[in-house]
Amino acid sequence: MLRRTYFVVASRMVRPGIVYRVSVMVLQAPLPLTVRVAIQRNGVEISGESQDVKEGIPETIILRVSVVM
C-alpha cells in the first residue's frame, strides 16, 4: 500500500512583484526535514527558499517573486 508522507499546496498562478505562499505538511518523518521550494522560468530559478518542517506541523514557506521575470 502506498502511503503519502507529505502534502504541498501552492497556487498555479505566479505574478511578478507578489508574495507567493507554499503550504507544506509532512505527514510521516522520523526527523525534521528541510523542504526547499523554488519557482523557475525557462529552467532558471527566479525565487527559492528552504525551511525546516516537523512532522504534523503545517508550515507556510514564503517566496517573493521579483518584478522583472
C-alpha atoms as a PDB file:
ATOM      1  CA  MET A   1       0.000   0.000   0.000  1.00  0.00           C
ATOM      2  CA  LEU A   2       1.326   3.419  -0.985  1.00  0.00           C
ATOM      3  CA  ARG A   3       1.495   5.902   1.885  1.00  0.00           C
ATOM      4  CA  ARG A   4       1.718   9.590   1.280  1.00  0.00           C
ATOM      5  CA  THR A   5       4.268  11.226   3.529  1.00  0.00           C
ATOM      6  CA  TYR A   6       3.789  14.900   2.689  1.00  0.00           C
ATOM      7  CA  PHE A   7       1.209  17.371   1.393  1.00  0.00           C
ATOM      8  CA  VAL A   8       2.022  20.552  -0.571  1.00  0.00           C
ATOM      9  CA  VAL A   9      -0.432  23.238  -1.705  1.00  0.00           C
ATOM     10  CA  ALA A  10       0.508  26.166  -3.946  1.00  0.00           C
ATOM     11  CA  SER A  11      -1.169  28.403  -6.492  1.00  0.00           C
ATOM     12  CA  ARG A  12      -0.681  27.698 -10.178  1.00  0.00           C
ATOM     13  CA  MET A  13      -0.640  31.426 -10.969  1.00  0.00           C
ATOM     14  CA  VAL A  14       2.568  33.354 -10.319  1.00  0.00           C
ATOM     15  CA  ARG A  15       2.636  37.107 -10.853  1.00  0.00           C
ATOM     16  CA  PRO A  16       5.647  39.422 -10.659  1.00  0.00           C
ATOM     17  CA  GLY A  17       6.013  41.572  -7.562  1.00  0.00           C
ATOM     18  CA  ILE A  18       3.849  39.432  -5.286  1.00  0.00           C
ATOM     19  CA  VAL A  19       4.477  37.298  -2.232  1.00  0.00           C
ATOM     20  CA  TYR A  20       3.937  33.638  -3.107  1.00  0.00           C
ATOM     21  CA  ARG A  21       2.993  31.208  -0.325  1.00  0.00           C
ATOM     22  CA  VAL A  22       3.520  27.452  -0.378  1.00  0.00           C
ATOM     23  CA  SER A  23       1.847  25.375   2.353  1.00  0.00           C
ATOM     24  CA  VAL A  24       3.706  22.224   3.391  1.00  0.00           C
ATOM     25  CA  MET A  25       2.791  19.491   5.853  1.00  0.00           C
ATOM     26  CA  VAL A  26       4.920  16.410   6.475  1.00  0.00           C
ATOM     27  CA  LEU A  27       2.675  13.508   7.457  1.00  0.00           C
ATOM     28  CA  GLN A  28       5.346  10.916   8.253  1.00  0.00           C
ATOM     29  CA  ALA A  29       9.010  11.511   9.007  1.00  0.00           C
ATOM     30  CA  PRO A  30      11.166  10.269  11.873  1.00  0.00           C
ATOM     31  CA  LEU A  31      13.182  13.524  11.897  1.00  0.00           C
ATOM     32  CA  PRO A  32      12.534  17.139  10.867  1.00  0.00           C
ATOM     33  CA  LEU A  33      13.043  17.671   7.140  1.00  0.00           C
ATOM     34  CA  THR A  34      14.446  20.614   5.238  1.00  0.00           C
ATOM     35  CA  VAL A  35      11.940  21.447   2.495  1.00  0.00           C
ATOM     36  CA  ARG A  36      13.087  23.550  -0.454  1.00  0.00           C
ATOM     37  CA  VAL A  37      10.655  25.270  -2.812  1.00  0.00           C
ATOM     38  CA  ALA A  38      11.601  27.149  -5.963  1.00  0.00           C
ATOM     39  CA  ILE A  39       9.983  28.950  -8.872  1.00  0.00           C
ATOM     40  CA  GLN A  40      11.685  28.545 -12.220  1.00  0.00           C
ATOM     41  CA  ARG A  41      11.185  30.180 -15.574  1.00  0.00           C
ATOM     42  CA  ASN A  42      12.720  28.587 -18.649  1.00  0.00           C
ATOM     43  CA  GLY A  43      14.881  26.424 -16.366  1.00  0.00           C
ATOM     44  CA  VAL A  44      16.276  29.408 -14.438  1.00  0.00           C
ATOM     45  CA  GLU A  45      15.386  29.811 -10.764  1.00  0.00           C
ATOM     46  CA  ILE A  46      13.799  33.197 -10.109  1.00  0.00           C
ATOM     47  CA  SER A  47      12.950  32.596  -6.443  1.00  0.00           C
ATOM     48  CA  GLY A  48      13.722  29.907  -3.888  1.00  0.00           C
ATOM     49  CA  GLU A  49      13.572  29.286  -0.155  1.00  0.00           C
ATOM     50  CA  SER A  50      14.069  26.417   2.274  1.00  0.00           C
ATOM     51  CA  GLN A  51      12.682  25.768   5.737  1.00  0.00           C
ATOM     52  CA  ASP A  52      12.829  23.030   8.364  1.00  0.00           C
ATOM     53  CA  VAL A  53       9.475  21.250   8.726  1.00  0.00           C
ATOM     54  CA  LYS A  54       8.487  18.867  11.536  1.00  0.00           C
ATOM     55  CA  GLU A  55       6.021  16.009  11.219  1.00  0.00           C
ATOM     56  CA  GLY A  56       2.395  17.009  11.759  1.00  0.00           C
ATOM     57  CA  ILE A  57       3.045  20.762  11.901  1.00  0.00           C
ATOM     58  CA  PRO A  58       1.814  22.745   8.879  1.00  0.00           C
ATOM     59  CA  GLU A  59       4.256  25.389   7.646  1.00  0.00           C
ATOM     60  CA  THR A  60       3.996  28.188   5.110  1.00  0.00           C
ATOM     61  CA  ILE A  61       7.083  28.928   3.041  1.00  0.00           C
ATOM     62  CA  ILE A  62       7.098  32.443   1.596  1.00  0.00           C
ATOM     63  CA  LEU A  63       8.726  33.405  -1.698  1.00  0.00           C
ATOM     64  CA  ARG A  64       8.958  36.854  -3.212  1.00  0.00           C
ATOM     65  CA  VAL A  65       8.716  36.962  -6.997  1.00  0.00           C
ATOM     66  CA  SER A  66      10.753  39.811  -8.471  1.00  0.00           C
ATOM     67  CA  VAL A  67       9.067  42.455 -10.606  1.00  0.00           C
ATOM     68  CA  VAL A  68      11.269  41.581 -13.608  1.00  0.00           C
ATOM     69  CA  MET A  69      10.705  37.987 -14.673  1.00  0.00           C
END
